[in-house]
Amino acid sequence: MNQQTAIEIEAATFRRFLKHLDDNKDVQNIDLMILADFCRNCLAKWYSAEAKERGEDIDYEAARERIYGMPYSEWKDNYQLPATEQQMQQFEARQQAKKKGNP
């Protein structure tokens, strides 16, 4: 496979991933953090950082809008639920395990 085709496939895969997240707004960021150690906000940070490495000035808020498909404040108001006590306990347990070297 040539490099351009690989880039196109990777870009299409990323767009499909964003659509999947958009189609599954019920999956909360805390759930993603517990299970996969990243969330939509992490993706926005990575997006912004990669843009900067390539000379593009995409700030965090603009990157979040790209990832969420709308301004973050709108997404948060419409779809983000408060984390439950159980979710927070699972998140804290994951963080402690990471500190001990157990991902």
PDB file of N, CA and C in Angstrom:
ATOM      1  N   MET A   1       0.853  -1.167   0.000  1.00  0.00           N
ATOM      2  CA  MET A   1       0.000   0.000   0.000  1.00  0.00           C
ATOM      3  C   MET A   1       0.904   1.237   0.000  1.00  0.00           C
ATOM      4  N   ASN A   2       0.553   2.226  -0.816  1.00  0.00           N
ATOM      5  CA  ASN A   2       1.363   3.438  -0.826  1.00  0.00           C
ATOM      6  C   ASN A   2       0.959   4.364   0.314  1.00  0.00           C
ATOM      7  N   GLN A   3       1.808   5.339   0.607  1.00  0.00           N
ATOM      8  CA  GLN A   3       1.601   6.211   1.758  1.00  0.00           C
ATOM      9  C   GLN A   3       0.306   7.016   1.653  1.00  0.00           C
ATOM     10  N   GLN A   4      -0.030   7.511   0.478  1.00  0.00           N
ATOM     11  CA  GLN A   4      -1.248   8.305   0.313  1.00  0.00           C
ATOM     12  C   GLN A   4      -2.494   7.467   0.599  1.00  0.00           C
ATOM     13  N   THR A   5      -2.507   6.247   0.125  1.00  0.00           N
ATOM     14  CA  THR A   5      -3.643   5.366   0.405  1.00  0.00           C
ATOM     15  C   THR A   5      -3.747   5.079   1.896  1.00  0.00           C
ATOM     16  N   ALA A   6      -2.615   4.850   2.540  1.00  0.00           N
ATOM     17  CA  ALA A   6      -2.619   4.613   3.989  1.00  0.00           C
ATOM     18  C   ALA A   6      -3.187   5.823   4.731  1.00  0.00           C
ATOM     19  N   ILE A   7      -2.779   7.022   4.337  1.00  0.00           N
ATOM     20  CA  ILE A   7      -3.288   8.251   4.961  1.00  0.00           C
ATOM     21  C   ILE A   7      -4.798   8.363   4.755  1.00  0.00           C
ATOM     22  N   GLU A   8      -5.265   8.075   3.556  1.00  0.00           N
ATOM     23  CA  GLU A   8      -6.700   8.156   3.269  1.00  0.00           C
ATOM     24  C   GLU A   8      -7.497   7.144   4.097  1.00  0.00           C
ATOM     25  N   ILE A   9      -6.969   5.947   4.238  1.00  0.00           N
ATOM     26  CA  ILE A   9      -7.641   4.920   5.040  1.00  0.00           C
ATOM     27  C   ILE A   9      -7.663   5.340   6.510  1.00  0.00           C
ATOM     28  N   GLU A  10      -6.534   5.838   6.997  1.00  0.00           N
ATOM     29  CA  GLU A  10      -6.475   6.286   8.396  1.00  0.00           C
ATOM     30  C   GLU A  10      -7.451   7.439   8.639  1.00  0.00           C
ATOM     31  N   ALA A  11      -7.519   8.382   7.714  1.00  0.00           N
ATOM     32  CA  ALA A  11      -8.448   9.508   7.851  1.00  0.00           C
ATOM     33  C   ALA A  11      -9.898   9.025   7.833  1.00  0.00           C
ATOM     34  N   ALA A  12     -10.205   8.107   6.937  1.00  0.00           N
ATOM     35  CA  ALA A  12     -11.566   7.571   6.860  1.00  0.00           C
ATOM     36  C   ALA A  12     -11.916   6.807   8.139  1.00  0.00           C
ATOM     37  N   THR A  13     -10.943   6.081   8.671  1.00  0.00           N
ATOM     38  CA  THR A  13     -11.159   5.352   9.915  1.00  0.00           C
ATOM     39  C   THR A  13     -11.422   6.317  11.059  1.00  0.00           C
ATOM     40  N   PHE A  14     -10.685   7.403  11.121  1.00  0.00           N
ATOM     41  CA  PHE A  14     -10.888   8.420  12.153  1.00  0.00           C
ATOM     42  C   PHE A  14     -12.283   9.040  12.031  1.00  0.00           C
ATOM     43  N   ARG A  15     -12.687   9.364  10.807  1.00  0.00           N
ATOM     44  CA  ARG A  15     -14.037   9.926  10.605  1.00  0.00           C
ATOM     45  C   ARG A  15     -15.100   8.921  11.041  1.00  0.00           C
ATOM     46  N   ARG A  16     -14.900   7.653  10.743  1.00  0.00           N
ATOM     47  CA  ARG A  16     -15.858   6.619  11.158  1.00  0.00           C
ATOM     48  C   ARG A  16     -15.894   6.502  12.687  1.00  0.00           C
ATOM     49  N   PHE A  17     -14.730   6.601  13.315  1.00  0.00           N
ATOM     50  CA  PHE A  17     -14.652   6.561  14.773  1.00  0.00           C
ATOM     51  C   PHE A  17     -15.419   7.735  15.381  1.00  0.00           C
ATOM     52  N   LEU A  18     -15.229   8.935  14.843  1.00  0.00           N
ATOM     53  CA  LEU A  18     -15.968  10.104  15.347  1.00  0.00           C
ATOM     54  C   LEU A  18     -17.467   9.925  15.152  1.00  0.00           C
ATOM     55  N   LYS A  19     -17.873   9.376  14.024  1.00  0.00           N
ATOM     56  CA  LYS A  19     -19.298   9.130  13.794  1.00  0.00           C
ATOM     57  C   LYS A  19     -19.832   8.112  14.791  1.00  0.00           C
ATOM     58  N   HIS A  20     -19.049   7.092  15.064  1.00  0.00           N
ATOM     59  CA  HIS A  20     -19.464   6.082  16.036  1.00  0.00           C
ATOM     60  C   HIS A  20     -19.664   6.726  17.413  1.00  0.00           C
ATOM     61  N   LEU A  21     -18.726   7.582  17.824  1.00  0.00           N
ATOM     62  CA  LEU A  21     -18.893   8.288  19.095  1.00  0.00           C
ATOM     63  C   LEU A  21     -20.135   9.172  19.051  1.00  0.00           C
ATOM     64  N   ASP A  22     -20.347   9.848  17.941  1.00  0.00           N
ATOM     65  CA  ASP A  22     -21.511  10.721  17.806  1.00  0.00           C
ATOM     66  C   ASP A  22     -22.813   9.926  17.841  1.00  0.00           C
ATOM     67  N   ASP A  23     -22.805   8.761  17.242  1.00  0.00           N
ATOM     68  CA  ASP A  23     -24.000   7.905  17.232  1.00  0.00           C
ATOM     69  C   ASP A  23     -24.254   7.246  18.587  1.00  0.00           C
ATOM     70  N   ASN A  24     -23.275   7.309  19.471  1.00  0.00           N
ATOM     71  CA  ASN A  24     -23.378   6.670  20.787  1.00  0.00           C
ATOM     72  C   ASN A  24     -23.101   7.682  21.896  1.00  0.00           C
ATOM     73  N   LYS A  25     -23.870   8.760  21.865  1.00  0.00           N
ATOM     74  CA  LYS A  25     -23.685   9.820  22.856  1.00  0.00           C
ATOM     75  C   LYS A  25     -23.965   9.339  24.272  1.00  0.00           C
ATOM     76  N   ASP A  26     -24.675   8.227  24.400  1.00  0.00           N
ATOM     77  CA  ASP A  26     -24.941   7.685  25.733  1.00  0.00           C
ATOM     78  C   ASP A  26     -23.678   7.146  26.392  1.00  0.00           C
ATOM     79  N   VAL A  27     -22.643   6.894  25.611  1.00  0.00           N
ATOM     80  CA  VAL A  27     -21.370   6.471  26.185  1.00  0.00           C
ATOM     81  C   VAL A  27     -20.709   7.724  26.755  1.00  0.00           C
ATOM     82  N   GLN A  28     -20.630   7.759  28.052  1.00  0.00           N
ATOM     83  CA  GLN A  28     -20.103   8.921  28.743  1.00  0.00           C
ATOM     84  C   GLN A  28     -18.576   8.926  28.727  1.00  0.00           C
ATOM     85  N   ASN A  29     -17.999  10.113  28.812  1.00  0.00           N
ATOM     86  CA  ASN A  29     -16.548  10.224  28.848  1.00  0.00           C
ATOM     87  C   ASN A  29     -15.947   9.455  30.020  1.00  0.00           C
ATOM     88  N   ILE A  30     -16.607   9.477  31.155  1.00  0.00           N
ATOM     89  CA  ILE A  30     -16.087   8.749  32.317  1.00  0.00           C
ATOM     90  C   ILE A  30     -16.009   7.251  32.016  1.00  0.00           C
ATOM     91  N   ASP A  31     -16.990   6.738  31.274  1.00  0.00           N
ATOM     92  CA  ASP A  31     -16.957   5.324  30.883  1.00  0.00           C
ATOM     93  C   ASP A  31     -15.759   5.034  29.990  1.00  0.00           C
ATOM     94  N   LEU A  32     -15.506   5.918  29.038  1.00  0.00           N
ATOM     95  CA  LEU A  32     -14.336   5.745  28.170  1.00  0.00           C
ATOM     96  C   LEU A  32     -13.044   5.796  28.978  1.00  0.00           C
ATOM     97  N   MET A  33     -12.968   6.704  29.941  1.00  0.00           N
ATOM     98  CA  MET A  33     -11.766   6.815  30.774  1.00  0.00           C
ATOM     99  C   MET A  33     -11.556   5.543  31.594  1.00  0.00           C
ATOM    100  N   ILE A  34     -12.640   4.997  32.125  1.00  0.00           N
ATOM    101  CA  ILE A  34     -12.529   3.784  32.935  1.00  0.00           C
ATOM    102  C   ILE A  34     -12.066   2.611  32.076  1.00  0.00           C
ATOM    103  N   LEU A  35     -12.667   2.464  30.916  1.00  0.00           N
ATOM    104  CA  LEU A  35     -12.400   1.284  30.087  1.00  0.00           C
ATOM    105  C   LEU A  35     -11.166   1.410  29.204  1.00  0.00           C
ATOM    106  N   ALA A  36     -10.912   2.619  28.688  1.00  0.00           N
ATOM    107  CA  ALA A  36      -9.876   2.742  27.673  1.00  0.00           C
ATOM    108  C   ALA A  36      -8.801   3.786  27.989  1.00  0.00           C
ATOM    109  N   ASP A  37      -8.954   4.491  29.105  1.00  0.00           N
ATOM    110  CA  ASP A  37      -7.980   5.494  29.531  1.00  0.00           C
ATOM    111  C   ASP A  37      -7.861   6.657  28.543  1.00  0.00           C
ATOM    112  N   PHE A  38      -8.933   6.968  27.852  1.00  0.00           N
ATOM    113  CA  PHE A  38      -9.016   8.166  27.024  1.00  0.00           C
ATOM    114  C   PHE A  38     -10.492   8.511  26.881  1.00  0.00           C
ATOM    115  N   CYS A  39     -10.751   9.758  26.487  1.00  0.00           N
ATOM    116  CA  CYS A  39     -12.131  10.175  26.256  1.00  0.00           C
ATOM    117  C   CYS A  39     -12.161  11.144  25.073  1.00  0.00           C
ATOM    118  N   ARG A  40     -13.305  11.701  24.826  1.00  0.00           N
ATOM    119  CA  ARG A  40     -13.445  12.651  23.721  1.00  0.00           C
ATOM    120  C   ARG A  40     -12.537  13.858  23.921  1.00  0.00           C
ATOM    121  N   ASN A  41     -12.388  14.308  25.166  1.00  0.00           N
ATOM    122  CA  ASN A  41     -11.504  15.441  25.432  1.00  0.00           C
ATOM    123  C   ASN A  41     -10.053  15.094  25.135  1.00  0.00           C
ATOM    124  N   CYS A  42      -9.653  13.875  25.441  1.00  0.00           N
ATOM    125  CA  CYS A  42      -8.299  13.429  25.096  1.00  0.00           C
ATOM    126  C   CYS A  42      -8.098  13.490  23.584  1.00  0.00           C
ATOM    127  N   LEU A  43      -9.083  13.017  22.843  1.00  0.00           N
ATOM    128  CA  LEU A  43      -8.988  13.071  21.379  1.00  0.00           C
ATOM    129  C   LEU A  43      -8.813  14.505  20.901  1.00  0.00           C
ATOM    130  N   ALA A  44      -9.545  15.431  21.513  1.00  0.00           N
ATOM    131  CA  ALA A  44      -9.433  16.842  21.129  1.00  0.00           C
ATOM    132  C   ALA A  44      -8.022  17.368  21.421  1.00  0.00           C
ATOM    133  N   LYS A  45      -7.461  16.986  22.550  1.00  0.00           N
ATOM    134  CA  LYS A  45      -6.093  17.411  22.879  1.00  0.00           C
ATOM    135  C   LYS A  45      -5.105  16.846  21.872  1.00  0.00           C
ATOM    136  N   TRP A  46      -5.266  15.582  21.523  1.00  0.00           N
ATOM    137  CA  TRP A  46      -4.380  14.967  20.529  1.00  0.00           C
ATOM    138  C   TRP A  46      -4.538  15.639  19.175  1.00  0.00           C
ATOM    139  N   TYR A  47      -5.776  15.935  18.800  1.00  0.00           N
ATOM    140  CA  TYR A  47      -6.063  16.583  17.517  1.00  0.00           C
ATOM    141  C   TYR A  47      -5.365  17.939  17.453  1.00  0.00           C
ATOM    142  N   SER A  48      -5.525  18.729  18.504  1.00  0.00           N
ATOM    143  CA  SER A  48      -4.911  20.048  18.565  1.00  0.00           C
ATOM    144  C   SER A  48      -3.383  19.947  18.513  1.00  0.00           C
ATOM    145  N   ALA A  49      -2.819  19.012  19.262  1.00  0.00           N
ATOM    146  CA  ALA A  49      -1.368  18.840  19.285  1.00  0.00           C
ATOM    147  C   ALA A  49      -0.823  18.426  17.918  1.00  0.00           C
ATOM    148  N   GLU A  50      -1.508  17.505  17.256  1.00  0.00           N
ATOM    149  CA  GLU A  50      -1.056  17.064  15.930  1.00  0.00           C
ATOM    150  C   GLU A  50      -1.168  18.193  14.904  1.00  0.00           C
ATOM    151  N   ALA A  51      -2.216  19.001  15.026  1.00  0.00           N
ATOM    152  CA  ALA A  51      -2.355  20.154  14.132  1.00  0.00           C
ATOM    153  C   ALA A  51      -1.188  21.117  14.331  1.00  0.00           C
ATOM    154  N   LYS A  52      -0.858  21.386  15.585  1.00  0.00           N
ATOM    155  CA  LYS A  52       0.254  22.310  15.875  1.00  0.00           C
ATOM    156  C   LYS A  52       1.567  21.779  15.340  1.00  0.00           C
ATOM    157  N   GLU A  53       1.775  20.471  15.438  1.00  0.00           N
ATOM    158  CA  GLU A  53       3.004  19.884  14.901  1.00  0.00           C
ATOM    159  C   GLU A  53       3.113  20.080  13.396  1.00  0.00           C
ATOM    160  N   ARG A  54       1.977  20.288  12.761  1.00  0.00           N
ATOM    161  CA  ARG A  54       1.956  20.471  11.313  1.00  0.00           C
ATOM    162  C   ARG A  54       1.756  21.931  10.926  1.00  0.00           C
ATOM    163  N   GLY A  55       1.943  22.829  11.893  1.00  0.00           N
ATOM    164  CA  GLY A  55       1.877  24.260  11.609  1.00  0.00           C
ATOM    165  C   GLY A  55       0.482  24.849  11.576  1.00  0.00           C
ATOM    166  N   GLU A  56      -0.506  24.107  12.009  1.00  0.00           N
ATOM    167  CA  GLU A  56      -1.886  24.599  12.036  1.00  0.00           C
ATOM    168  C   GLU A  56      -2.238  25.030  13.455  1.00  0.00           C
ATOM    169  N   ASP A  57      -2.910  26.145  13.577  1.00  0.00           N
ATOM    170  CA  ASP A  57      -3.298  26.659  14.887  1.00  0.00           C
ATOM    171  C   ASP A  57      -4.753  26.302  15.161  1.00  0.00           C
ATOM    172  N   ILE A  58      -4.947  25.134  15.753  1.00  0.00           N
ATOM    173  CA  ILE A  58      -6.281  24.688  16.143  1.00  0.00           C
ATOM    174  C   ILE A  58      -6.266  24.572  17.654  1.00  0.00           C
ATOM    175  N   ASP A  59      -6.947  25.519  18.308  1.00  0.00           N
ATOM    176  CA  ASP A  59      -6.924  25.493  19.768  1.00  0.00           C
ATOM    177  C   ASP A  59      -7.818  24.372  20.296  1.00  0.00           C
ATOM    178  N   TYR A  60      -7.717  24.151  21.588  1.00  0.00           N
ATOM    179  CA  TYR A  60      -8.423  23.048  22.246  1.00  0.00           C
ATOM    180  C   TYR A  60      -9.931  23.125  22.039  1.00  0.00           C
ATOM    181  N   GLU A  61     -10.504  24.316  22.165  1.00  0.00           N
ATOM    182  CA  GLU A  61     -11.959  24.446  22.006  1.00  0.00           C
ATOM    183  C   GLU A  61     -12.394  24.135  20.579  1.00  0.00           C
ATOM    184  N   ALA A  62     -11.635  24.584  19.600  1.00  0.00           N
ATOM    185  CA  ALA A  62     -11.954  24.265  18.200  1.00  0.00           C
ATOM    186  C   ALA A  62     -11.810  22.772  17.949  1.00  0.00           C
ATOM    187  N   ALA A  63     -10.798  22.174  18.555  1.00  0.00           N
ATOM    188  CA  ALA A  63     -10.603  20.728  18.408  1.00  0.00           C
ATOM    189  C   ALA A  63     -11.753  19.970  19.069  1.00  0.00           C
ATOM    190  N   ARG A  64     -12.202  20.431  20.236  1.00  0.00           N
ATOM    191  CA  ARG A  64     -13.333  19.770  20.892  1.00  0.00           C
ATOM    192  C   ARG A  64     -14.583  19.864  20.032  1.00  0.00           C
ATOM    193  N   GLU A  65     -14.779  20.998  19.383  1.00  0.00           N
ATOM    194  CA  GLU A  65     -15.945  21.112  18.507  1.00  0.00           C
ATOM    195  C   GLU A  65     -15.853  20.123  17.353  1.00  0.00           C
ATOM    196  N   ARG A  66     -14.663  19.896  16.846  1.00  0.00           N
ATOM    197  CA  ARG A  66     -14.463  18.907  15.777  1.00  0.00           C
ATOM    198  C   ARG A  66     -14.777  17.504  16.286  1.00  0.00           C
ATOM    199  N   ILE A  67     -14.324  17.182  17.470  1.00  0.00           N
ATOM    200  CA  ILE A  67     -14.514  15.844  18.026  1.00  0.00           C
ATOM    201  C   ILE A  67     -15.975  15.620  18.428  1.00  0.00           C
ATOM    202  N   TYR A  68     -16.561  16.587  19.094  1.00  0.00           N
ATOM    203  CA  TYR A  68     -17.934  16.447  19.584  1.00  0.00           C
ATOM    204  C   TYR A  68     -18.988  16.711  18.501  1.00  0.00           C
ATOM    205  N   GLY A  69     -18.592  17.376  17.415  1.00  0.00           N
ATOM    206  CA  GLY A  69     -19.542  17.704  16.360  1.00  0.00           C
ATOM    207  C   GLY A  69     -20.426  18.895  16.701  1.00  0.00           C
ATOM    208  N   MET A  70     -20.074  19.602  17.749  1.00  0.00           N
ATOM    209  CA  MET A  70     -20.814  20.780  18.216  1.00  0.00           C
ATOM    210  C   MET A  70     -19.961  21.422  19.305  1.00  0.00           C
ATOM    211  N   PRO A  71     -20.283  22.634  19.701  1.00  0.00           N
ATOM    212  CA  PRO A  71     -19.536  23.207  20.825  1.00  0.00           C
ATOM    213  C   PRO A  71     -19.638  22.305  22.056  1.00  0.00           C
ATOM    214  N   TYR A  72     -18.540  22.192  22.781  1.00  0.00           N
ATOM    215  CA  TYR A  72     -18.511  21.311  23.947  1.00  0.00           C
ATOM    216  C   TYR A  72     -19.601  21.672  24.942  1.00  0.00           C
ATOM    217  N   SER A  73     -19.820  22.964  25.166  1.00  0.00           N
ATOM    218  CA  SER A  73     -20.841  23.377  26.138  1.00  0.00           C
ATOM    219  C   SER A  73     -22.215  22.853  25.747  1.00  0.00           C
ATOM    220  N   GLU A  74     -22.507  22.846  24.461  1.00  0.00           N
ATOM    221  CA  GLU A  74     -23.788  22.316  23.972  1.00  0.00           C
ATOM    222  C   GLU A  74     -23.871  20.807  24.204  1.00  0.00           C
ATOM    223  N   TRP A  75     -22.796  20.096  23.869  1.00  0.00           N
ATOM    224  CA  TRP A  75     -22.776  18.640  24.072  1.00  0.00           C
ATOM    225  C   TRP A  75     -22.950  18.321  25.551  1.00  0.00           C
ATOM    226  N   LYS A  76     -22.211  19.052  26.378  1.00  0.00           N
ATOM    227  CA  LYS A  76     -22.265  18.807  27.821  1.00  0.00           C
ATOM    228  C   LYS A  76     -23.677  19.040  28.365  1.00  0.00           C
ATOM    229  N   ASP A  77     -24.298  20.127  27.946  1.00  0.00           N
ATOM    230  CA  ASP A  77     -25.658  20.436  28.407  1.00  0.00           C
ATOM    231  C   ASP A  77     -26.673  19.392  27.958  1.00  0.00           C
ATOM    232  N   ASN A  78     -26.486  18.852  26.768  1.00  0.00           N
ATOM    233  CA  ASN A  78     -27.475  17.943  26.191  1.00  0.00           C
ATOM    234  C   ASN A  78     -27.221  16.462  26.449  1.00  0.00           C
ATOM    235  N   TYR A  79     -25.964  16.079  26.664  1.00  0.00           N
ATOM    236  CA  TYR A  79     -25.659  14.643  26.696  1.00  0.00           C
ATOM    237  C   TYR A  79     -24.856  14.169  27.904  1.00  0.00           C
ATOM    238  N   GLN A  80     -24.104  15.045  28.534  1.00  0.00           N
ATOM    239  CA  GLN A  80     -23.258  14.578  29.635  1.00  0.00           C
ATOM    240  C   GLN A  80     -24.057  14.482  30.921  1.00  0.00           C
ATOM    241  N   LEU A  81     -23.969  13.325  31.523  1.00  0.00           N
ATOM    242  CA  LEU A  81     -24.633  13.086  32.800  1.00  0.00           C
ATOM    243  C   LEU A  81     -23.603  13.193  33.921  1.00  0.00           C
ATOM    244  N   PRO A  82     -24.045  13.517  35.120  1.00  0.00           N
ATOM    245  CA  PRO A  82     -23.096  13.511  36.237  1.00  0.00           C
ATOM    246  C   PRO A  82     -22.565  12.084  36.447  1.00  0.00           C
ATOM    247  N   ALA A  83     -21.304  11.993  36.777  1.00  0.00           N
ATOM    248  CA  ALA A  83     -20.716  10.681  37.058  1.00  0.00           C
ATOM    249  C   ALA A  83     -21.358  10.115  38.321  1.00  0.00           C
ATOM    250  N   THR A  84     -21.640   8.836  38.280  1.00  0.00           N
ATOM    251  CA  THR A  84     -22.203   8.170  39.456  1.00  0.00           C
ATOM    252  C   THR A  84     -21.074   7.874  40.447  1.00  0.00           C
ATOM    253  N   GLU A  85     -21.458   7.551  41.652  1.00  0.00           N
ATOM    254  CA  GLU A  85     -20.468   7.171  42.668  1.00  0.00           C
ATOM    255  C   GLU A  85     -19.700   5.933  42.209  1.00  0.00           C
ATOM    256  N   GLN A  86     -20.415   4.985  41.615  1.00  0.00           N
ATOM    257  CA  GLN A  86     -19.760   3.767  41.114  1.00  0.00           C
ATOM    258  C   GLN A  86     -18.742   4.102  40.019  1.00  0.00           C
ATOM    259  N   GLN A  87     -19.107   4.977  39.096  1.00  0.00           N
ATOM    260  CA  GLN A  87     -18.180   5.370  38.037  1.00  0.00           C
ATOM    261  C   GLN A  87     -16.931   6.028  38.625  1.00  0.00           C
ATOM    262  N   MET A  88     -17.137   6.896  39.595  1.00  0.00           N
ATOM    263  CA  MET A  88     -15.995   7.574  40.208  1.00  0.00           C
ATOM    264  C   MET A  88     -15.091   6.582  40.941  1.00  0.00           C
ATOM    265  N   GLN A  89     -15.680   5.607  41.594  1.00  0.00           N
ATOM    266  CA  GLN A  89     -14.883   4.584  42.272  1.00  0.00           C
ATOM    267  C   GLN A  89     -14.080   3.769  41.266  1.00  0.00           C
ATOM    268  N   GLN A  90     -14.719   3.406  40.141  1.00  0.00           N
ATOM    269  CA  GLN A  90     -14.017   2.648  39.098  1.00  0.00           C
ATOM    270  C   GLN A  90     -12.890   3.485  38.492  1.00  0.00           C
ATOM    271  N   PHE A  91     -13.152   4.755  38.272  1.00  0.00           N
ATOM    272  CA  PHE A  91     -12.143   5.650  37.716  1.00  0.00           C
ATOM    273  C   PHE A  91     -10.951   5.765  38.672  1.00  0.00           C
ATOM    274  N   GLU A  92     -11.231   5.980  39.934  1.00  0.00           N
ATOM    275  CA  GLU A  92     -10.164   6.097  40.928  1.00  0.00           C
ATOM    276  C   GLU A  92      -9.367   4.795  41.027  1.00  0.00           C
ATOM    277  N   ALA A  93     -10.043   3.662  40.979  1.00  0.00           N
ATOM    278  CA  ALA A  93      -9.349   2.374  41.018  1.00  0.00           C
ATOM    279  C   ALA A  93      -8.430   2.230  39.811  1.00  0.00           C
ATOM    280  N   ARG A  94      -8.894   2.653  38.654  1.00  0.00           N
ATOM    281  CA  ARG A  94      -8.063   2.592  37.438  1.00  0.00           C
ATOM    282  C   ARG A  94      -6.845   3.488  37.585  1.00  0.00           C
ATOM    283  N   GLN A  95      -7.048   4.687  38.112  1.00  0.00           N
ATOM    284  CA  GLN A  95      -5.932   5.617  38.300  1.00  0.00           C
ATOM    285  C   GLN A  95      -4.906   5.047  39.275  1.00  0.00           C
ATOM    286  N   GLN A  96      -5.369   4.435  40.341  1.00  0.00           N
ATOM    287  CA  GLN A  96      -4.458   3.831  41.321  1.00  0.00           C
ATOM    288  C   GLN A  96      -3.687   2.670  40.700  1.00  0.00           C
ATOM    289  N   ALA A  97      -4.375   1.858  39.909  1.00  0.00           N
ATOM    290  CA  ALA A  97      -3.711   0.732  39.236  1.00  0.00           C
ATOM    291  C   ALA A  97      -2.638   1.237  38.292  1.00  0.00           C
ATOM    292  N   LYS A  98      -2.910   2.324  37.581  1.00  0.00           N
ATOM    293  CA  LYS A  98      -1.921   2.901  36.665  1.00  0.00           C
ATOM    294  C   LYS A  98      -0.684   3.374  37.428  1.00  0.00           C
ATOM    295  N   LYS A  99      -0.906   3.986  38.578  1.00  0.00           N
ATOM    296  CA  LYS A  99       0.215   4.455  39.390  1.00  0.00           C
ATOM    297  C   LYS A  99       1.102   3.301  39.838  1.00  0.00           C
ATOM    298  N   LYS A 100       0.488   2.142  40.031  1.00  0.00           N
ATOM    299  CA  LYS A 100       1.231   0.960  40.460  1.00  0.00           C
ATOM    300  C   LYS A 100       1.818   0.186  39.281  1.00  0.00           C
ATOM    301  N   GLY A 101       1.578   0.695  38.063  1.00  0.00           N
ATOM    302  CA  GLY A 101       2.100   0.030  36.885  1.00  0.00           C
ATOM    303  C   GLY A 101       1.245  -1.080  36.345  1.00  0.00           C
ATOM    304  N   ASN A 102      -0.037  -1.093  36.727  1.00  0.00           N
ATOM    305  CA  ASN A 102      -0.978  -2.101  36.231  1.00  0.00           C
ATOM    306  C   ASN A 102      -2.065  -1.411  35.396  1.00  0.00           C
ATOM    307  N   PRO A 103      -1.837  -1.277  34.101  1.00  0.00           N
ATOM    308  CA  PRO A 103      -2.819  -0.549  33.273  1.00  0.00           C
ATOM    309  C   PRO A 103      -4.186  -1.163  33.224  1.00  0.00           C
TER     310      PRO A 103
END
